[in-house]
């Protein structure tokens, strides 16, 4: 049961980025060859930290690894909001490029 996103504003299926938050670190850009293994494996953001994935090229699968589960199919250009402490991972084999900004 995946959702598909294409263009437009940030997608936040599990909560909006708090208005008072600000970016404090950005990682990437990453592509299929350089995406760290840790992002492909189940992980979670620490308490109080939100992530914003900016997909600038290609497509990517965002997989929720919590009890609610689900998959979001992202297509560039898109931004996707990741809330704190929710287990997840990403999958992408084809050409893509993304950066991740961390907010608190």
PDB file of N, CA and C in Angstrom:
ATOM      1  N   UNK A   1       0.820  -1.173   0.000  1.00  0.00           N
ATOM      2  CA  UNK A   1       0.000   0.000   0.000  1.00  0.00           C
ATOM      3  C   UNK A   1       0.867   1.242   0.000  1.00  0.00           C
ATOM      4  N   UNK A   2       1.436   1.554  -1.107  1.00  0.00           N
ATOM      5  CA  UNK A   2       2.329   2.689  -1.201  1.00  0.00           C
ATOM      6  C   UNK A   2       1.618   3.947  -1.648  1.00  0.00           C
ATOM      7  N   UNK A   3       2.197   5.039  -1.313  1.00  0.00           N
ATOM      8  CA  UNK A   3       1.732   6.336  -1.795  1.00  0.00           C
ATOM      9  C   UNK A   3       2.791   6.824  -2.756  1.00  0.00           C
ATOM     10  N   UNK A   4       2.379   7.564  -3.754  1.00  0.00           N
ATOM     11  CA  UNK A   4       3.311   8.089  -4.738  1.00  0.00           C
ATOM     12  C   UNK A   4       3.329   9.598  -4.637  1.00  0.00           C
ATOM     13  N   UNK A   5       4.524  10.177  -4.729  1.00  0.00           N
ATOM     14  CA  UNK A   5       4.641  11.626  -4.677  1.00  0.00           C
ATOM     15  C   UNK A   5       5.422  12.115  -5.878  1.00  0.00           C
ATOM     16  N   UNK A   6       4.964  13.198  -6.442  1.00  0.00           N
ATOM     17  CA  UNK A   6       5.670  13.808  -7.550  1.00  0.00           C
ATOM     18  C   UNK A   6       5.563  15.318  -7.398  1.00  0.00           C
ATOM     19  N   UNK A   7       6.689  15.978  -7.252  1.00  0.00           N
ATOM     20  CA  UNK A   7       6.732  17.428  -7.197  1.00  0.00           C
ATOM     21  C   UNK A   7       5.944  18.017  -6.044  1.00  0.00           C
ATOM     22  N   UNK A   8       5.696  19.317  -6.108  1.00  0.00           N
ATOM     23  CA  UNK A   8       4.899  19.994  -5.092  1.00  0.00           C
ATOM     24  C   UNK A   8       5.678  20.244  -3.819  1.00  0.00           C
ATOM     25  N   UNK A   9       4.954  20.524  -2.758  1.00  0.00           N
ATOM     26  CA  UNK A   9       5.560  20.836  -1.466  1.00  0.00           C
ATOM     27  C   UNK A   9       6.000  19.598  -0.724  1.00  0.00           C
ATOM     28  N   UNK A  10       6.519  19.774   0.457  1.00  0.00           N
ATOM     29  CA  UNK A  10       6.983  18.635   1.252  1.00  0.00           C
ATOM     30  C   UNK A  10       5.857  17.663   1.581  1.00  0.00           C
ATOM     31  N   UNK A  11       6.164  16.400   1.531  1.00  0.00           N
ATOM     32  CA  UNK A  11       5.214  15.348   1.865  1.00  0.00           C
ATOM     33  C   UNK A  11       5.471  14.946   3.301  1.00  0.00           C
ATOM     34  N   UNK A  12       4.413  14.908   4.105  1.00  0.00           N
ATOM     35  CA  UNK A  12       4.550  14.598   5.527  1.00  0.00           C
ATOM     36  C   UNK A  12       3.457  13.628   5.950  1.00  0.00           C
ATOM     37  N   UNK A  13       3.569  12.344   5.556  1.00  0.00           N
ATOM     38  CA  UNK A  13       2.506  11.410   5.890  1.00  0.00           C
ATOM     39  C   UNK A  13       2.397  11.101   7.382  1.00  0.00           C
ATOM     40  N   UNK A  14       3.412  11.425   8.155  1.00  0.00           N
ATOM     41  CA  UNK A  14       3.382  11.098   9.586  1.00  0.00           C
ATOM     42  C   UNK A  14       3.666  12.318  10.460  1.00  0.00           C
ATOM     43  N   UNK A  15       3.386  13.493   9.978  1.00  0.00           N
ATOM     44  CA  UNK A  15       3.563  14.690  10.794  1.00  0.00           C
ATOM     45  C   UNK A  15       4.351  15.761  10.073  1.00  0.00           C
ATOM     46  N   UNK A  16       3.910  16.995  10.220  1.00  0.00           N
ATOM     47  CA  UNK A  16       4.581  18.128   9.596  1.00  0.00           C
ATOM     48  C   UNK A  16       5.815  18.543  10.387  1.00  0.00           C
ATOM     49  N   UNK A  17       6.746  19.125   9.684  1.00  0.00           N
ATOM     50  CA  UNK A  17       7.942  19.687  10.301  1.00  0.00           C
ATOM     51  C   UNK A  17       7.507  20.845  11.194  1.00  0.00           C
ATOM     52  N   UNK A  18       7.910  20.860  12.462  1.00  0.00           N
ATOM     53  CA  UNK A  18       7.517  21.972  13.338  1.00  0.00           C
ATOM     54  C   UNK A  18       7.962  23.315  12.759  1.00  0.00           C
ATOM     55  N   UNK A  19       7.079  24.295  12.824  1.00  0.00           N
ATOM     56  CA  UNK A  19       7.374  25.611  12.244  1.00  0.00           C
ATOM     57  C   UNK A  19       8.609  26.259  12.853  1.00  0.00           C
ATOM     58  N   UNK A  20       8.839  26.029  14.134  1.00  0.00           N
ATOM     59  CA  UNK A  20       9.963  26.677  14.812  1.00  0.00           C
ATOM     60  C   UNK A  20      11.288  25.962  14.587  1.00  0.00           C
ATOM     61  N   UNK A  21      11.275  24.846  13.870  1.00  0.00           N
ATOM     62  CA  UNK A  21      12.515  24.094  13.667  1.00  0.00           C
ATOM     63  C   UNK A  21      13.408  24.770  12.638  1.00  0.00           C
ATOM     64  N   UNK A  22      14.685  24.443  12.710  1.00  0.00           N
ATOM     65  CA  UNK A  22      15.647  24.958  11.747  1.00  0.00           C
ATOM     66  C   UNK A  22      16.665  23.891  11.409  1.00  0.00           C
ATOM     67  N   UNK A  23      17.161  23.940  10.184  1.00  0.00           N
ATOM     68  CA  UNK A  23      18.164  22.964   9.741  1.00  0.00           C
ATOM     69  C   UNK A  23      19.486  23.239  10.454  1.00  0.00           C
ATOM     70  N   UNK A  24      20.143  22.178  10.907  1.00  0.00           N
ATOM     71  CA  UNK A  24      21.439  22.336  11.558  1.00  0.00           C
ATOM     72  C   UNK A  24      22.532  21.517  10.879  1.00  0.00           C
ATOM     73  N   UNK A  25      22.147  20.604   9.970  1.00  0.00           N
ATOM     74  CA  UNK A  25      23.147  19.789   9.281  1.00  0.00           C
ATOM     75  C   UNK A  25      22.532  19.230   8.009  1.00  0.00           C
ATOM     76  N   UNK A  26      23.324  19.156   6.948  1.00  0.00           N
ATOM     77  CA  UNK A  26      22.885  18.565   5.694  1.00  0.00           C
ATOM     78  C   UNK A  26      23.934  17.556   5.252  1.00  0.00           C
ATOM     79  N   UNK A  27      23.457  16.393   4.768  1.00  0.00           N
ATOM     80  CA  UNK A  27      24.374  15.383   4.232  1.00  0.00           C
ATOM     81  C   UNK A  27      23.989  15.089   2.784  1.00  0.00           C
ATOM     82  N   UNK A  28      24.969  14.648   2.014  1.00  0.00           N
ATOM     83  CA  UNK A  28      24.757  14.357   0.602  1.00  0.00           C
ATOM     84  C   UNK A  28      25.365  15.460  -0.238  1.00  0.00           C
ATOM     85  N   UNK A  29      25.166  15.407  -1.535  1.00  0.00           N
ATOM     86  CA  UNK A  29      24.226  14.537  -2.236  1.00  0.00           C
ATOM     87  C   UNK A  29      24.732  13.094  -2.333  1.00  0.00           C
ATOM     88  N   UNK A  30      23.764  12.184  -2.386  1.00  0.00           N
ATOM     89  CA  UNK A  30      24.037  10.763  -2.559  1.00  0.00           C
ATOM     90  C   UNK A  30      23.333  10.282  -3.827  1.00  0.00           C
ATOM     91  N   UNK A  31      23.941   9.280  -4.468  1.00  0.00           N
ATOM     92  CA  UNK A  31      23.292   8.599  -5.584  1.00  0.00           C
ATOM     93  C   UNK A  31      23.267   7.110  -5.268  1.00  0.00           C
ATOM     94  N   UNK A  32      22.854   6.286  -6.238  1.00  0.00           N
ATOM     95  CA  UNK A  32      22.728   4.845  -5.999  1.00  0.00           C
ATOM     96  C   UNK A  32      24.052   4.224  -5.563  1.00  0.00           C
ATOM     97  N   UNK A  33      25.171   4.735  -6.063  1.00  0.00           N
ATOM     98  CA  UNK A  33      26.482   4.172  -5.713  1.00  0.00           C
ATOM     99  C   UNK A  33      27.001   4.674  -4.367  1.00  0.00           C
ATOM    100  N   UNK A  34      26.628   5.899  -3.981  1.00  0.00           N
ATOM    101  CA  UNK A  34      27.212   6.488  -2.770  1.00  0.00           C
ATOM    102  C   UNK A  34      26.274   6.511  -1.564  1.00  0.00           C
ATOM    103  N   UNK A  35      25.020   6.069  -1.719  1.00  0.00           N
ATOM    104  CA  UNK A  35      24.092   6.066  -0.585  1.00  0.00           C
ATOM    105  C   UNK A  35      24.643   5.167   0.512  1.00  0.00           C
ATOM    106  N   UNK A  36      24.876   5.701   1.717  1.00  0.00           N
ATOM    107  CA  UNK A  36      25.466   4.899   2.797  1.00  0.00           C
ATOM    108  C   UNK A  36      24.612   3.686   3.161  1.00  0.00           C
ATOM    109  N   UNK A  37      25.271   2.606   3.491  1.00  0.00           N
ATOM    110  CA  UNK A  37      24.583   1.366   3.885  1.00  0.00           C
ATOM    111  C   UNK A  37      23.658   1.608   5.076  1.00  0.00           C
ATOM    112  N   UNK A  38      24.038   2.501   5.976  1.00  0.00           N
ATOM    113  CA  UNK A  38      23.218   2.790   7.149  1.00  0.00           C
ATOM    114  C   UNK A  38      21.856   3.365   6.807  1.00  0.00           C
ATOM    115  N   UNK A  39      21.741   4.055   5.666  1.00  0.00           N
ATOM    116  CA  UNK A  39      20.450   4.589   5.249  1.00  0.00           C
ATOM    117  C   UNK A  39      19.596   3.521   4.573  1.00  0.00           C
ATOM    118  N   UNK A  40      20.256   2.492   4.042  1.00  0.00           N
ATOM    119  CA  UNK A  40      19.538   1.369   3.419  1.00  0.00           C
ATOM    120  C   UNK A  40      19.046   0.362   4.468  1.00  0.00           C
ATOM    121  N   UNK A  41      19.619   0.403   5.669  1.00  0.00           N
ATOM    122  CA  UNK A  41      19.231  -0.490   6.765  1.00  0.00           C
ATOM    123  C   UNK A  41      18.260   0.248   7.690  1.00  0.00           C
ATOM    124  N   UNK A  42      17.506  -0.510   8.478  1.00  0.00           N
ATOM    125  CA  UNK A  42      16.575   0.109   9.417  1.00  0.00           C
ATOM    126  C   UNK A  42      17.330   1.020  10.377  1.00  0.00           C
ATOM    127  N   UNK A  43      16.822   2.230  10.549  1.00  0.00           N
ATOM    128  CA  UNK A  43      17.408   3.200  11.486  1.00  0.00           C
ATOM    129  C   UNK A  43      16.305   4.178  11.886  1.00  0.00           C
ATOM    130  N   UNK A  44      16.611   5.075  12.805  1.00  0.00           N
ATOM    131  CA  UNK A  44      15.656   6.095  13.243  1.00  0.00           C
ATOM    132  C   UNK A  44      16.406   7.354  13.633  1.00  0.00           C
ATOM    133  N   UNK A  45      15.716   8.485  13.542  1.00  0.00           N
ATOM    134  CA  UNK A  45      16.281   9.759  13.979  1.00  0.00           C
ATOM    135  C   UNK A  45      16.101   9.884  15.483  1.00  0.00           C
ATOM    136  N   UNK A  46      17.043  10.573  16.116  1.00  0.00           N
ATOM    137  CA  UNK A  46      16.954  10.719  17.562  1.00  0.00           C
ATOM    138  C   UNK A  46      15.802  11.652  17.942  1.00  0.00           C
ATOM    139  N   UNK A  47      15.423  11.593  19.200  1.00  0.00           N
ATOM    140  CA  UNK A  47      14.342  12.427  19.719  1.00  0.00           C
ATOM    141  C   UNK A  47      14.628  13.891  19.420  1.00  0.00           C
ATOM    142  N   UNK A  48      13.622  14.604  18.922  1.00  0.00           N
ATOM    143  CA  UNK A  48      13.747  16.031  18.647  1.00  0.00           C
ATOM    144  C   UNK A  48      14.361  16.365  17.299  1.00  0.00           C
ATOM    145  N   UNK A  49      14.774  15.355  16.526  1.00  0.00           N
ATOM    146  CA  UNK A  49      15.384  15.588  15.215  1.00  0.00           C
ATOM    147  C   UNK A  49      14.451  15.114  14.111  1.00  0.00           C
ATOM    148  N   UNK A  50      14.207  15.989  13.160  1.00  0.00           N
ATOM    149  CA  UNK A  50      13.400  15.688  11.974  1.00  0.00           C
ATOM    150  C   UNK A  50      14.331  15.662  10.764  1.00  0.00           C
ATOM    151  N   UNK A  51      14.001  14.861   9.780  1.00  0.00           N
ATOM    152  CA  UNK A  51      14.771  14.827   8.544  1.00  0.00           C
ATOM    153  C   UNK A  51      13.917  15.301   7.387  1.00  0.00           C
ATOM    154  N   UNK A  52      14.555  15.965   6.428  1.00  0.00           N
ATOM    155  CA  UNK A  52      13.882  16.351   5.193  1.00  0.00           C
ATOM    156  C   UNK A  52      14.731  15.811   4.042  1.00  0.00           C
ATOM    157  N   UNK A  53      14.178  14.805   3.364  1.00  0.00           N
ATOM    158  CA  UNK A  53      14.842  14.230   2.199  1.00  0.00           C
ATOM    159  C   UNK A  53      14.452  15.067   0.994  1.00  0.00           C
ATOM    160  N   UNK A  54      15.444  15.585   0.283  1.00  0.00           N
ATOM    161  CA  UNK A  54      15.200  16.317  -0.962  1.00  0.00           C
ATOM    162  C   UNK A  54      15.681  15.428  -2.108  1.00  0.00           C
ATOM    163  N   UNK A  55      14.741  14.878  -2.852  1.00  0.00           N
ATOM    164  CA  UNK A  55      15.053  14.024  -3.994  1.00  0.00           C
ATOM    165  C   UNK A  55      15.061  14.908  -5.235  1.00  0.00           C
ATOM    166  N   UNK A  56      16.233  15.079  -5.837  1.00  0.00           N
ATOM    167  CA  UNK A  56      16.367  16.000  -6.970  1.00  0.00           C
ATOM    168  C   UNK A  56      16.396  15.295  -8.317  1.00  0.00           C
ATOM    169  N   UNK A  57      16.678  13.985  -8.318  1.00  0.00           N
ATOM    170  CA  UNK A  57      16.682  13.208  -9.558  1.00  0.00           C
ATOM    171  C   UNK A  57      16.193  11.798  -9.271  1.00  0.00           C
ATOM    172  N   UNK A  58      15.475  11.206 -10.217  1.00  0.00           N
ATOM    173  CA  UNK A  58      15.109   9.807 -10.148  1.00  0.00           C
ATOM    174  C   UNK A  58      13.977   9.497  -9.195  1.00  0.00           C
ATOM    175  N   UNK A  59      14.009   8.256  -8.677  1.00  0.00           N
ATOM    176  CA  UNK A  59      12.966   7.802  -7.756  1.00  0.00           C
ATOM    177  C   UNK A  59      13.591   6.984  -6.631  1.00  0.00           C
ATOM    178  N   UNK A  60      12.838   6.856  -5.537  1.00  0.00           N
ATOM    179  CA  UNK A  60      13.327   6.231  -4.312  1.00  0.00           C
ATOM    180  C   UNK A  60      12.136   5.674  -3.552  1.00  0.00           C
ATOM    181  N   UNK A  61      12.339   4.566  -2.858  1.00  0.00           N
ATOM    182  CA  UNK A  61      11.300   3.994  -1.986  1.00  0.00           C
ATOM    183  C   UNK A  61      11.674   4.298  -0.541  1.00  0.00           C
ATOM    184  N   UNK A  62      10.733   4.895   0.183  1.00  0.00           N
ATOM    185  CA  UNK A  62      10.900   5.138   1.607  1.00  0.00           C
ATOM    186  C   UNK A  62      10.039   4.109   2.323  1.00  0.00           C
ATOM    187  N   UNK A  63      10.650   3.267   3.158  1.00  0.00           N
ATOM    188  CA  UNK A  63       9.947   2.168   3.821  1.00  0.00           C
ATOM    189  C   UNK A  63       9.868   2.444   5.316  1.00  0.00           C
ATOM    190  N   UNK A  64       8.635   2.425   5.852  1.00  0.00           N
ATOM    191  CA  UNK A  64       8.399   2.590   7.278  1.00  0.00           C
ATOM    192  C   UNK A  64       8.548   1.225   7.939  1.00  0.00           C
ATOM    193  N   UNK A  65       9.446   1.100   8.910  1.00  0.00           N
ATOM    194  CA  UNK A  65       9.722  -0.175   9.570  1.00  0.00           C
ATOM    195  C   UNK A  65       9.073  -0.290  10.943  1.00  0.00           C
ATOM    196  N   UNK A  66       8.064   0.538  11.232  1.00  0.00           N
ATOM    197  CA  UNK A  66       7.364   0.451  12.512  1.00  0.00           C
ATOM    198  C   UNK A  66       6.134  -0.434  12.358  1.00  0.00           C
ATOM    199  N   UNK A  67       5.347  -0.549  13.428  1.00  0.00           N
ATOM    200  CA  UNK A  67       4.178  -1.415  13.398  1.00  0.00           C
ATOM    201  C   UNK A  67       3.112  -0.952  12.402  1.00  0.00           C
ATOM    202  N   UNK A  68       3.065   0.330  12.103  1.00  0.00           N
ATOM    203  CA  UNK A  68       2.111   0.847  11.121  1.00  0.00           C
ATOM    204  C   UNK A  68       2.539   0.462   9.698  1.00  0.00           C
ATOM    205  N   UNK A  69       3.840   0.402   9.457  1.00  0.00           N
ATOM    206  CA  UNK A  69       4.377  -0.012   8.168  1.00  0.00           C
ATOM    207  C   UNK A  69       3.998   0.901   7.016  1.00  0.00           C
ATOM    208  N   UNK A  70       4.301   0.455   5.810  1.00  0.00           N
ATOM    209  CA  UNK A  70       3.955   1.202   4.607  1.00  0.00           C
ATOM    210  C   UNK A  70       5.178   1.584   3.801  1.00  0.00           C
ATOM    211  N   UNK A  71       4.911   1.989   2.575  1.00  0.00           N
ATOM    212  CA  UNK A  71       5.952   2.392   1.638  1.00  0.00           C
ATOM    213  C   UNK A  71       5.500   3.659   0.942  1.00  0.00           C
ATOM    214  N   UNK A  72       6.408   4.603   0.774  1.00  0.00           N
ATOM    215  CA  UNK A  72       6.148   5.800  -0.010  1.00  0.00           C
ATOM    216  C   UNK A  72       7.097   5.788  -1.201  1.00  0.00           C
ATOM    217  N   UNK A  73       6.535   5.862  -2.391  1.00  0.00           N
ATOM    218  CA  UNK A  73       7.309   5.905  -3.631  1.00  0.00           C
ATOM    219  C   UNK A  73       7.547   7.374  -3.965  1.00  0.00           C
ATOM    220  N   UNK A  74       8.786   7.809  -3.923  1.00  0.00           N
ATOM    221  CA  UNK A  74       9.115   9.207  -4.170  1.00  0.00           C
ATOM    222  C   UNK A  74       9.668   9.365  -5.582  1.00  0.00           C
ATOM    223  N   UNK A  75       9.257  10.408  -6.271  1.00  0.00           N
ATOM    224  CA  UNK A  75       9.759  10.745  -7.599  1.00  0.00           C
ATOM    225  C   UNK A  75      10.202  12.188  -7.591  1.00  0.00           C
ATOM    226  N   UNK A  76      11.351  12.463  -8.180  1.00  0.00           N
ATOM    227  CA  UNK A  76      11.894  13.819  -8.219  1.00  0.00           C
ATOM    228  C   UNK A  76      11.059  14.705  -9.142  1.00  0.00           C
ATOM    229  N   UNK A  77      10.970  15.971  -8.788  1.00  0.00           N
ATOM    230  CA  UNK A  77      11.499  16.597  -7.571  1.00  0.00           C
ATOM    231  C   UNK A  77      10.494  16.442  -6.432  1.00  0.00           C
ATOM    232  N   UNK A  78      10.999  16.086  -5.262  1.00  0.00           N
ATOM    233  CA  UNK A  78      10.122  16.006  -4.099  1.00  0.00           C
ATOM    234  C   UNK A  78      10.923  16.175  -2.820  1.00  0.00           C
ATOM    235  N   UNK A  79      10.200  16.564  -1.776  1.00  0.00           N
ATOM    236  CA  UNK A  79      10.756  16.640  -0.428  1.00  0.00           C
ATOM    237  C   UNK A  79       9.878  15.780   0.459  1.00  0.00           C
ATOM    238  N   UNK A  80      10.514  15.045   1.376  1.00  0.00           N
ATOM    239  CA  UNK A  80       9.794  14.103   2.219  1.00  0.00           C
ATOM    240  C   UNK A  80      10.231  14.307   3.655  1.00  0.00           C
ATOM    241  N   UNK A  81       9.269  14.471   4.562  1.00  0.00           N
ATOM    242  CA  UNK A  81       9.564  14.752   5.968  1.00  0.00           C
ATOM    243  C   UNK A  81       9.577  13.447   6.762  1.00  0.00           C
ATOM    244  N   UNK A  82      10.649  13.268   7.535  1.00  0.00           N
ATOM    245  CA  UNK A  82      10.819  12.075   8.367  1.00  0.00           C
ATOM    246  C   UNK A  82      10.796  12.507   9.831  1.00  0.00           C
ATOM    247  N   UNK A  83       9.823  12.019  10.608  1.00  0.00           N
ATOM    248  CA  UNK A  83       9.728  12.418  12.013  1.00  0.00           C
ATOM    249  C   UNK A  83      10.750  11.693  12.895  1.00  0.00           C
ATOM    250  N   UNK A  84      10.964  12.208  14.107  1.00  0.00           N
ATOM    251  CA  UNK A  84      11.904  11.580  15.034  1.00  0.00           C
ATOM    252  C   UNK A  84      11.430  10.195  15.484  1.00  0.00           C
ATOM    253  N   UNK A  85      12.380   9.339  15.760  1.00  0.00           N
ATOM    254  CA  UNK A  85      12.204   8.061  16.452  1.00  0.00           C
ATOM    255  C   UNK A  85      11.278   7.057  15.756  1.00  0.00           C
ATOM    256  N   UNK A  86      11.045   7.196  14.461  1.00  0.00           N
ATOM    257  CA  UNK A  86      10.232   6.222  13.726  1.00  0.00           C
ATOM    258  C   UNK A  86      11.182   5.389  12.855  1.00  0.00           C
ATOM    259  N   UNK A  87      11.250   4.073  13.077  1.00  0.00           N
ATOM    260  CA  UNK A  87      12.171   3.251  12.290  1.00  0.00           C
ATOM    261  C   UNK A  87      11.794   3.241  10.807  1.00  0.00           C
ATOM    262  N   UNK A  88      12.826   3.315   9.964  1.00  0.00           N
ATOM    263  CA  UNK A  88      12.614   3.384   8.522  1.00  0.00           C
ATOM    264  C   UNK A  88      13.902   3.031   7.792  1.00  0.00           C
ATOM    265  N   UNK A  89      13.800   2.881   6.478  1.00  0.00           N
ATOM    266  CA  UNK A  89      14.967   2.766   5.607  1.00  0.00           C
ATOM    267  C   UNK A  89      14.567   3.201   4.206  1.00  0.00           C
ATOM    268  N   UNK A  90      15.568   3.387   3.345  1.00  0.00           N
ATOM    269  CA  UNK A  90      15.292   3.766   1.961  1.00  0.00           C
ATOM    270  C   UNK A  90      15.846   2.698   1.028  1.00  0.00           C
ATOM    271  N   UNK A  91      15.217   2.585  -0.139  1.00  0.00           N
ATOM    272  CA  UNK A  91      15.638   1.653  -1.172  1.00  0.00           C
ATOM    273  C   UNK A  91      15.678   2.406  -2.490  1.00  0.00           C
ATOM    274  N   UNK A  92      16.748   2.232  -3.231  1.00  0.00           N
ATOM    275  CA  UNK A  92      16.857   2.857  -4.541  1.00  0.00           C
ATOM    276  C   UNK A  92      17.937   2.184  -5.360  1.00  0.00           C
ATOM    277  N   UNK A  93      17.574   1.665  -6.491  1.00  0.00           N
ATOM    278  CA  UNK A  93      18.529   0.974  -7.342  1.00  0.00           C
ATOM    279  C   UNK A  93      18.842   1.766  -8.600  1.00  0.00           C
ATOM    280  N   UNK A  94      17.852   2.419  -9.141  1.00  0.00           N
ATOM    281  CA  UNK A  94      18.052   3.167 -10.371  1.00  0.00           C
ATOM    282  C   UNK A  94      18.750   4.483 -10.102  1.00  0.00           C
ATOM    283  N   UNK A  95      18.896   5.282 -11.116  1.00  0.00           N
ATOM    284  CA  UNK A  95      19.537   6.586 -10.910  1.00  0.00           C
ATOM    285  C   UNK A  95      18.676   7.498 -10.037  1.00  0.00           C
ATOM    286  N   UNK A  96      19.307   8.085  -9.035  1.00  0.00           N
ATOM    287  CA  UNK A  96      18.637   9.073  -8.188  1.00  0.00           C
ATOM    288  C   UNK A  96      19.702   9.947  -7.549  1.00  0.00           C
ATOM    289  N   UNK A  97      19.266  11.093  -7.028  1.00  0.00           N
ATOM    290  CA  UNK A  97      20.153  11.956  -6.243  1.00  0.00           C
ATOM    291  C   UNK A  97      19.323  12.574  -5.139  1.00  0.00           C
ATOM    292  N   UNK A  98      19.866  12.529  -3.913  1.00  0.00           N
ATOM    293  CA  UNK A  98      19.163  13.094  -2.767  1.00  0.00           C
ATOM    294  C   UNK A  98      20.133  13.723  -1.790  1.00  0.00           C
ATOM    295  N   UNK A  99      19.607  14.659  -1.015  1.00  0.00           N
ATOM    296  CA  UNK A  99      20.297  15.206   0.150  1.00  0.00           C
ATOM    297  C   UNK A  99      19.328  15.088   1.322  1.00  0.00           C
ATOM    298  N   UNK A 100      19.876  15.110   2.529  1.00  0.00           N
ATOM    299  CA  UNK A 100      19.044  15.049   3.730  1.00  0.00           C
ATOM    300  C   UNK A 100      19.446  16.206   4.638  1.00  0.00           C
ATOM    301  N   UNK A 101      18.463  17.011   5.027  1.00  0.00           N
ATOM    302  CA  UNK A 101      18.680  18.099   5.986  1.00  0.00           C
ATOM    303  C   UNK A 101      18.069  17.679   7.323  1.00  0.00           C
ATOM    304  N   UNK A 102      18.828  17.864   8.387  1.00  0.00           N
ATOM    305  CA  UNK A 102      18.350  17.538   9.733  1.00  0.00           C
ATOM    306  C   UNK A 102      17.909  18.814  10.426  1.00  0.00           C
ATOM    307  N   UNK A 103      16.731  18.772  11.021  1.00  0.00           N
ATOM    308  CA  UNK A 103      16.121  19.931  11.678  1.00  0.00           C
ATOM    309  C   UNK A 103      15.873  19.602  13.154  1.00  0.00           C
ATOM    310  N   UNK A 104      15.940  20.636  13.985  1.00  0.00           N
ATOM    311  CA  UNK A 104      15.545  20.511  15.393  1.00  0.00           C
ATOM    312  C   UNK A 104      14.959  21.812  15.867  1.00  0.00           C
TER     313      UNK A 104
END
